[in-house]
Amino acid sequence: MAALGRLWAAVKVQGGQAAREAERPTARLSYALTLRSESDCIEGDRLHWKGRILDVVAVLPDGSDPRFIELLCSETRP
């Protein structure tokens, strides 16, 4: 996987839930990232943040400022 660039974002943890995958407990965390709307992020992209891999599940306009977008992301931890 090749890095396509760097982004600056405000990151907020939205919550988490416990799950089981392949008979092993896992934790699924959700995040909301706010960044400038010029970014080329799309659903399905992966972001690296503080050693974590976040999957982009939705790209939404920021309701309060059109210069920004909000990325809804998820992270699955073993």
PDB file of N, CA and C in Angstrom:
ATOM      1  N   MET A   1       0.848  -1.166   0.000  1.00  0.00           N
ATOM      2  CA  MET A   1       0.000   0.000   0.000  1.00  0.00           C
ATOM      3  C   MET A   1       0.897   1.234   0.000  1.00  0.00           C
ATOM      4  N   ALA A   2       0.659   2.149  -0.900  1.00  0.00           N
ATOM      5  CA  ALA A   2       1.459   3.371  -1.008  1.00  0.00           C
ATOM      6  C   ALA A   2       0.728   4.543  -0.369  1.00  0.00           C
ATOM      7  N   ALA A   3       1.485   5.386   0.287  1.00  0.00           N
ATOM      8  CA  ALA A   3       0.901   6.593   0.882  1.00  0.00           C
ATOM      9  C   ALA A   3       0.630   7.603  -0.220  1.00  0.00           C
ATOM     10  N   LEU A   4      -0.515   8.232  -0.167  1.00  0.00           N
ATOM     11  CA  LEU A   4      -0.883   9.211  -1.184  1.00  0.00           C
ATOM     12  C   LEU A   4      -0.689  10.641  -0.722  1.00  0.00           C
ATOM     13  N   GLY A   5      -0.454  10.857   0.558  1.00  0.00           N
ATOM     14  CA  GLY A   5      -0.254  12.211   1.050  1.00  0.00           C
ATOM     15  C   GLY A   5      -0.562  12.319   2.523  1.00  0.00           C
ATOM     16  N   ARG A   6      -0.435  13.553   3.019  1.00  0.00           N
ATOM     17  CA  ARG A   6      -0.728  13.834   4.421  1.00  0.00           C
ATOM     18  C   ARG A   6      -1.928  14.747   4.528  1.00  0.00           C
ATOM     19  N   LEU A   7      -2.697  14.535   5.571  1.00  0.00           N
ATOM     20  CA  LEU A   7      -3.857  15.374   5.852  1.00  0.00           C
ATOM     21  C   LEU A   7      -3.759  15.893   7.274  1.00  0.00           C
ATOM     22  N   TRP A   8      -4.282  17.072   7.484  1.00  0.00           N
ATOM     23  CA  TRP A   8      -4.436  17.613   8.831  1.00  0.00           C
ATOM     24  C   TRP A   8      -5.916  17.552   9.148  1.00  0.00           C
ATOM     25  N   ALA A   9      -6.247  16.999  10.315  1.00  0.00           N
ATOM     26  CA  ALA A   9      -7.658  16.830  10.667  1.00  0.00           C
ATOM     27  C   ALA A   9      -7.861  16.953  12.168  1.00  0.00           C
ATOM     28  N   ALA A  10      -9.064  17.354  12.538  1.00  0.00           N
ATOM     29  CA  ALA A  10      -9.504  17.274  13.927  1.00  0.00           C
ATOM     30  C   ALA A  10     -10.161  15.907  14.078  1.00  0.00           C
ATOM     31  N   VAL A  11      -9.711  15.123  15.047  1.00  0.00           N
ATOM     32  CA  VAL A  11     -10.193  13.752  15.220  1.00  0.00           C
ATOM     33  C   VAL A  11     -10.967  13.639  16.528  1.00  0.00           C
ATOM     34  N   LYS A  12     -12.185  13.080  16.437  1.00  0.00           N
ATOM     35  CA  LYS A  12     -13.008  12.848  17.631  1.00  0.00           C
ATOM     36  C   LYS A  12     -13.402  11.372  17.677  1.00  0.00           C
ATOM     37  N   VAL A  13     -13.197  10.743  18.820  1.00  0.00           N
ATOM     38  CA  VAL A  13     -13.674   9.372  19.007  1.00  0.00           C
ATOM     39  C   VAL A  13     -15.177   9.442  19.247  1.00  0.00           C
ATOM     40  N   GLN A  14     -15.942   8.690  18.465  1.00  0.00           N
ATOM     41  CA  GLN A  14     -17.401   8.709  18.572  1.00  0.00           C
ATOM     42  C   GLN A  14     -17.930   7.637  19.509  1.00  0.00           C
ATOM     43  N   GLY A  15     -17.218   6.545  19.642  1.00  0.00           N
ATOM     44  CA  GLY A  15     -17.683   5.465  20.513  1.00  0.00           C
ATOM     45  C   GLY A  15     -17.122   4.138  20.062  1.00  0.00           C
ATOM     46  N   GLY A  16     -17.539   3.099  20.720  1.00  0.00           N
ATOM     47  CA  GLY A  16     -17.054   1.775  20.374  1.00  0.00           C
ATOM     48  C   GLY A  16     -18.022   0.707  20.828  1.00  0.00           C
ATOM     49  N   GLN A  17     -17.769  -0.504  20.350  1.00  0.00           N
ATOM     50  CA  GLN A  17     -18.585  -1.627  20.763  1.00  0.00           C
ATOM     51  C   GLN A  17     -17.762  -2.900  20.667  1.00  0.00           C
ATOM     52  N   ALA A  18     -18.083  -3.841  21.502  1.00  0.00           N
ATOM     53  CA  ALA A  18     -17.411  -5.138  21.483  1.00  0.00           C
ATOM     54  C   ALA A  18     -18.121  -6.039  20.481  1.00  0.00           C
ATOM     55  N   ALA A  19     -17.349  -6.899  19.836  1.00  0.00           N
ATOM     56  CA  ALA A  19     -17.906  -7.835  18.861  1.00  0.00           C
ATOM     57  C   ALA A  19     -17.086  -9.120  18.906  1.00  0.00           C
ATOM     58  N   ARG A  20     -17.553 -10.124  18.173  1.00  0.00           N
ATOM     59  CA  ARG A  20     -16.794 -11.368  18.032  1.00  0.00           C
ATOM     60  C   ARG A  20     -16.637 -11.639  16.548  1.00  0.00           C
ATOM     61  N   GLU A  21     -15.398 -11.896  16.151  1.00  0.00           N
ATOM     62  CA  GLU A  21     -15.116 -12.272  14.767  1.00  0.00           C
ATOM     63  C   GLU A  21     -14.257 -13.516  14.800  1.00  0.00           C
ATOM     64  N   ALA A  22     -14.675 -14.541  14.083  1.00  0.00           N
ATOM     65  CA  ALA A  22     -13.946 -15.808  14.034  1.00  0.00           C
ATOM     66  C   ALA A  22     -13.684 -16.332  15.445  1.00  0.00           C
ATOM     67  N   GLU A  23     -14.717 -16.250  16.289  1.00  0.00           N
ATOM     68  CA  GLU A  23     -14.650 -16.746  17.667  1.00  0.00           C
ATOM     69  C   GLU A  23     -13.651 -16.013  18.550  1.00  0.00           C
ATOM     70  N   ARG A  24     -13.225 -14.818  18.123  1.00  0.00           N
ATOM     71  CA  ARG A  24     -12.306 -14.009  18.935  1.00  0.00           C
ATOM     72  C   ARG A  24     -12.963 -12.677  19.243  1.00  0.00           C
ATOM     73  N   PRO A  25     -12.792 -12.194  20.468  1.00  0.00           N
ATOM     74  CA  PRO A  25     -13.353 -10.875  20.791  1.00  0.00           C
ATOM     75  C   PRO A  25     -12.586  -9.762  20.081  1.00  0.00           C
ATOM     76  N   THR A  26     -13.311  -8.791  19.577  1.00  0.00           N
ATOM     77  CA  THR A  26     -12.704  -7.625  18.941  1.00  0.00           C
ATOM     78  C   THR A  26     -13.424  -6.375  19.435  1.00  0.00           C
ATOM     79  N   ALA A  27     -12.799  -5.246  19.219  1.00  0.00           N
ATOM     80  CA  ALA A  27     -13.417  -3.960  19.542  1.00  0.00           C
ATOM     81  C   ALA A  27     -13.514  -3.144  18.268  1.00  0.00           C
ATOM     82  N   ARG A  28     -14.667  -2.571  18.034  1.00  0.00           N
ATOM     83  CA  ARG A  28     -14.876  -1.729  16.859  1.00  0.00           C
ATOM     84  C   ARG A  28     -15.087  -0.304  17.344  1.00  0.00           C
ATOM     85  N   LEU A  29     -14.204   0.593  16.940  1.00  0.00           N
ATOM     86  CA  LEU A  29     -14.276   1.991  17.360  1.00  0.00           C
ATOM     87  C   LEU A  29     -14.676   2.853  16.178  1.00  0.00           C
ATOM     88  N   SER A  30     -15.414   3.928  16.448  1.00  0.00           N
ATOM     89  CA  SER A  30     -15.790   4.846  15.373  1.00  0.00           C
ATOM     90  C   SER A  30     -15.230   6.234  15.666  1.00  0.00           C
ATOM     91  N   TYR A  31     -14.871   6.935  14.599  1.00  0.00           N
ATOM     92  CA  TYR A  31     -14.240   8.246  14.677  1.00  0.00           C
ATOM     93  C   TYR A  31     -14.917   9.188  13.695  1.00  0.00           C
ATOM     94  N   ALA A  32     -14.866  10.486  14.003  1.00  0.00           N
ATOM     95  CA  ALA A  32     -15.280  11.537  13.069  1.00  0.00           C
ATOM     96  C   ALA A  32     -14.080  12.451  12.880  1.00  0.00           C
ATOM     97  N   LEU A  33     -13.675  12.642  11.634  1.00  0.00           N
ATOM     98  CA  LEU A  33     -12.546  13.507  11.313  1.00  0.00           C
ATOM     99  C   LEU A  33     -13.055  14.693  10.517  1.00  0.00           C
ATOM    100  N   THR A  34     -12.661  15.883  10.897  1.00  0.00           N
ATOM    101  CA  THR A  34     -13.028  17.091  10.165  1.00  0.00           C
ATOM    102  C   THR A  34     -11.783  17.610   9.469  1.00  0.00           C
ATOM    103  N   LEU A  35     -11.881  17.799   8.137  1.00  0.00           N
ATOM    104  CA  LEU A  35     -10.748  18.306   7.378  1.00  0.00           C
ATOM    105  C   LEU A  35     -11.220  19.190   6.239  1.00  0.00           C
ATOM    106  N   ARG A  36     -10.292  19.879   5.617  1.00  0.00           N
ATOM    107  CA  ARG A  36     -10.640  20.791   4.520  1.00  0.00           C
ATOM    108  C   ARG A  36     -11.257  20.023   3.360  1.00  0.00           C
ATOM    109  N   SER A  37     -12.227  20.638   2.721  1.00  0.00           N
ATOM    110  CA  SER A  37     -12.976  19.957   1.667  1.00  0.00           C
ATOM    111  C   SER A  37     -12.168  19.717   0.401  1.00  0.00           C
ATOM    112  N   GLU A  38     -10.968  20.303   0.285  1.00  0.00           N
ATOM    113  CA  GLU A  38     -10.151  20.064  -0.907  1.00  0.00           C
ATOM    114  C   GLU A  38      -9.557  18.660  -0.927  1.00  0.00           C
ATOM    115  N   SER A  39      -9.645  17.922   0.167  1.00  0.00           N
ATOM    116  CA  SER A  39      -9.041  16.590   0.208  1.00  0.00           C
ATOM    117  C   SER A  39      -9.792  15.657  -0.741  1.00  0.00           C
ATOM    118  N   ASP A  40      -9.096  14.654  -1.225  1.00  0.00           N
ATOM    119  CA  ASP A  40      -9.671  13.721  -2.193  1.00  0.00           C
ATOM    120  C   ASP A  40     -10.116  12.414  -1.548  1.00  0.00           C
ATOM    121  N   CYS A  41     -10.442  12.423  -0.277  1.00  0.00           N
ATOM    122  CA  CYS A  41     -10.849  11.200   0.419  1.00  0.00           C
ATOM    123  C   CYS A  41     -12.205  10.732  -0.086  1.00  0.00           C
ATOM    124  N   ILE A  42     -12.324   9.424  -0.244  1.00  0.00           N
ATOM    125  CA  ILE A  42     -13.590   8.820  -0.649  1.00  0.00           C
ATOM    126  C   ILE A  42     -13.871   7.627   0.260  1.00  0.00           C
ATOM    127  N   GLU A  43     -15.115   7.160   0.239  1.00  0.00           N
ATOM    128  CA  GLU A  43     -15.475   5.965   0.998  1.00  0.00           C
ATOM    129  C   GLU A  43     -14.594   4.809   0.543  1.00  0.00           C
ATOM    130  N   GLY A  44     -14.134   4.022   1.504  1.00  0.00           N
ATOM    131  CA  GLY A  44     -13.274   2.885   1.190  1.00  0.00           C
ATOM    132  C   GLY A  44     -11.792   3.185   1.357  1.00  0.00           C
ATOM    133  N   ASP A  45     -11.427   4.469   1.455  1.00  0.00           N
ATOM    134  CA  ASP A  45     -10.023   4.818   1.701  1.00  0.00           C
ATOM    135  C   ASP A  45      -9.621   4.371   3.095  1.00  0.00           C
ATOM    136  N   ARG A  46      -8.313   4.239   3.298  1.00  0.00           N
ATOM    137  CA  ARG A  46      -7.770   3.917   4.616  1.00  0.00           C
ATOM    138  C   ARG A  46      -6.828   5.027   5.023  1.00  0.00           C
ATOM    139  N   LEU A  47      -6.915   5.415   6.286  1.00  0.00           N
ATOM    140  CA  LEU A  47      -6.062   6.466   6.835  1.00  0.00           C
ATOM    141  C   LEU A  47      -5.240   5.892   7.976  1.00  0.00           C
ATOM    142  N   HIS A  48      -4.013   6.354   8.099  1.00  0.00           N
ATOM    143  CA  HIS A  48      -3.152   5.976   9.224  1.00  0.00           C
ATOM    144  C   HIS A  48      -3.119   7.149  10.187  1.00  0.00           C
ATOM    145  N   TRP A  49      -3.443   6.873  11.445  1.00  0.00           N
ATOM    146  CA  TRP A  49      -3.458   7.919  12.473  1.00  0.00           C
ATOM    147  C   TRP A  49      -2.932   7.338  13.776  1.00  0.00           C
ATOM    148  N   LYS A  50      -1.819   7.866  14.240  1.00  0.00           N
ATOM    149  CA  LYS A  50      -1.213   7.448  15.515  1.00  0.00           C
ATOM    150  C   LYS A  50      -1.067   5.933  15.613  1.00  0.00           C
ATOM    151  N   GLY A  51      -0.595   5.315  14.548  1.00  0.00           N
ATOM    152  CA  GLY A  51      -0.387   3.876  14.544  1.00  0.00           C
ATOM    153  C   GLY A  51      -1.641   3.052  14.324  1.00  0.00           C
ATOM    154  N   ARG A  52      -2.751   3.699  14.064  1.00  0.00           N
ATOM    155  CA  ARG A  52      -4.019   3.006  13.838  1.00  0.00           C
ATOM    156  C   ARG A  52      -4.401   3.100  12.375  1.00  0.00           C
ATOM    157  N   ILE A  53      -5.183   2.143  11.911  1.00  0.00           N
ATOM    158  CA  ILE A  53      -5.694   2.176  10.543  1.00  0.00           C
ATOM    159  C   ILE A  53      -7.196   2.416  10.623  1.00  0.00           C
ATOM    160  N   LEU A  54      -7.629   3.511  10.015  1.00  0.00           N
ATOM    161  CA  LEU A  54      -9.042   3.888  10.019  1.00  0.00           C
ATOM    162  C   LEU A  54      -9.612   3.692   8.621  1.00  0.00           C
ATOM    163  N   ASP A  55     -10.741   3.014   8.526  1.00  0.00           N
ATOM    164  CA  ASP A  55     -11.440   2.819   7.255  1.00  0.00           C
ATOM    165  C   ASP A  55     -12.500   3.902   7.108  1.00  0.00           C
ATOM    166  N   VAL A  56     -12.470   4.620   5.990  1.00  0.00           N
ATOM    167  CA  VAL A  56     -13.462   5.672   5.732  1.00  0.00           C
ATOM    168  C   VAL A  56     -14.763   4.998   5.295  1.00  0.00           C
ATOM    169  N   VAL A  57     -15.831   5.211   6.069  1.00  0.00           N
ATOM    170  CA  VAL A  57     -17.121   4.606   5.737  1.00  0.00           C
ATOM    171  C   VAL A  57     -18.107   5.617   5.155  1.00  0.00           C
ATOM    172  N   ALA A  58     -17.864   6.917   5.367  1.00  0.00           N
ATOM    173  CA  ALA A  58     -18.738   7.949   4.796  1.00  0.00           C
ATOM    174  C   ALA A  58     -17.992   9.275   4.732  1.00  0.00           C
ATOM    175  N   VAL A  59     -18.287  10.046   3.689  1.00  0.00           N
ATOM    176  CA  VAL A  59     -17.748  11.400   3.523  1.00  0.00           C
ATOM    177  C   VAL A  59     -18.947  12.336   3.459  1.00  0.00           C
ATOM    178  N   LEU A  60     -19.024  13.261   4.428  1.00  0.00           N
ATOM    179  CA  LEU A  60     -20.187  14.141   4.547  1.00  0.00           C
ATOM    180  C   LEU A  60     -19.766  15.603   4.543  1.00  0.00           C
ATOM    181  N   PRO A  61     -20.631  16.494   4.044  1.00  0.00           N
ATOM    182  CA  PRO A  61     -20.317  17.921   4.170  1.00  0.00           C
ATOM    183  C   PRO A  61     -20.423  18.335   5.634  1.00  0.00           C
ATOM    184  N   ASP A  62     -19.577  19.263   6.040  1.00  0.00           N
ATOM    185  CA  ASP A  62     -19.665  19.815   7.398  1.00  0.00           C
ATOM    186  C   ASP A  62     -20.833  20.793   7.394  1.00  0.00           C
ATOM    187  N   GLY A  63     -21.826  20.552   8.223  1.00  0.00           N
ATOM    188  CA  GLY A  63     -23.030  21.376   8.234  1.00  0.00           C
ATOM    189  C   GLY A  63     -22.809  22.809   8.664  1.00  0.00           C
ATOM    190  N   SER A  64     -21.720  23.084   9.377  1.00  0.00           N
ATOM    191  CA  SER A  64     -21.513  24.440   9.886  1.00  0.00           C
ATOM    192  C   SER A  64     -20.568  25.278   9.030  1.00  0.00           C
ATOM    193  N   ASP A  65     -19.766  24.650   8.162  1.00  0.00           N
ATOM    194  CA  ASP A  65     -18.788  25.407   7.375  1.00  0.00           C
ATOM    195  C   ASP A  65     -18.493  24.667   6.073  1.00  0.00           C
ATOM    196  N   PRO A  66     -18.848  25.240   4.917  1.00  0.00           N
ATOM    197  CA  PRO A  66     -18.654  24.550   3.640  1.00  0.00           C
ATOM    198  C   PRO A  66     -17.190  24.346   3.254  1.00  0.00           C
ATOM    199  N   ARG A  67     -16.257  24.971   3.969  1.00  0.00           N
ATOM    200  CA  ARG A  67     -14.833  24.765   3.665  1.00  0.00           C
ATOM    201  C   ARG A  67     -14.327  23.418   4.164  1.00  0.00           C
ATOM    202  N   PHE A  68     -15.147  22.709   4.931  1.00  0.00           N
ATOM    203  CA  PHE A  68     -14.715  21.461   5.556  1.00  0.00           C
ATOM    204  C   PHE A  68     -15.648  20.309   5.210  1.00  0.00           C
ATOM    205  N   ILE A  69     -15.119  19.086   5.332  1.00  0.00           N
ATOM    206  CA  ILE A  69     -15.920  17.869   5.215  1.00  0.00           C
ATOM    207  C   ILE A  69     -15.692  17.043   6.480  1.00  0.00           C
ATOM    208  N   GLU A  70     -16.586  16.105   6.705  1.00  0.00           N
ATOM    209  CA  GLU A  70     -16.441  15.202   7.841  1.00  0.00           C
ATOM    210  C   GLU A  70     -16.329  13.777   7.314  1.00  0.00           C
ATOM    211  N   LEU A  71     -15.319  13.064   7.782  1.00  0.00           N
ATOM    212  CA  LEU A  71     -15.153  11.658   7.441  1.00  0.00           C
ATOM    213  C   LEU A  71     -15.604  10.827   8.632  1.00  0.00           C
ATOM    214  N   LEU A  72     -16.482   9.872   8.391  1.00  0.00           N
ATOM    215  CA  LEU A  72     -16.855   8.915   9.420  1.00  0.00           C
ATOM    216  C   LEU A  72     -16.024   7.670   9.168  1.00  0.00           C
ATOM    217  N   CYS A  73     -15.286   7.250  10.185  1.00  0.00           N
ATOM    218  CA  CYS A  73     -14.328   6.160  10.031  1.00  0.00           C
ATOM    219  C   CYS A  73     -14.544   5.102  11.098  1.00  0.00           C
ATOM    220  N   SER A  74     -14.068   3.887  10.807  1.00  0.00           N
ATOM    221  CA  SER A  74     -14.114   2.819  11.799  1.00  0.00           C
ATOM    222  C   SER A  74     -12.748   2.165  11.898  1.00  0.00           C
ATOM    223  N   GLU A  75     -12.480   1.624  13.074  1.00  0.00           N
ATOM    224  CA  GLU A  75     -11.240   0.890  13.329  1.00  0.00           C
ATOM    225  C   GLU A  75     -11.623  -0.390  14.047  1.00  0.00           C
ATOM    226  N   THR A  76     -11.078  -1.510  13.605  1.00  0.00           N
ATOM    227  CA  THR A  76     -11.308  -2.779  14.283  1.00  0.00           C
ATOM    228  C   THR A  76     -10.015  -3.208  14.943  1.00  0.00           C
ATOM    229  N   ARG A  77     -10.092  -3.460  16.237  1.00  0.00           N
ATOM    230  CA  ARG A  77      -8.915  -3.901  16.999  1.00  0.00           C
ATOM    231  C   ARG A  77      -9.109  -5.347  17.433  1.00  0.00           C
ATOM    232  N   PRO A  78      -8.054  -6.142  17.306  1.00  0.00           N
ATOM    233  CA  PRO A  78      -8.151  -7.538  17.786  1.00  0.00           C
ATOM    234  C   PRO A  78      -8.165  -7.604  19.302  1.00  0.00           C
TER     235      PRO A  78
END
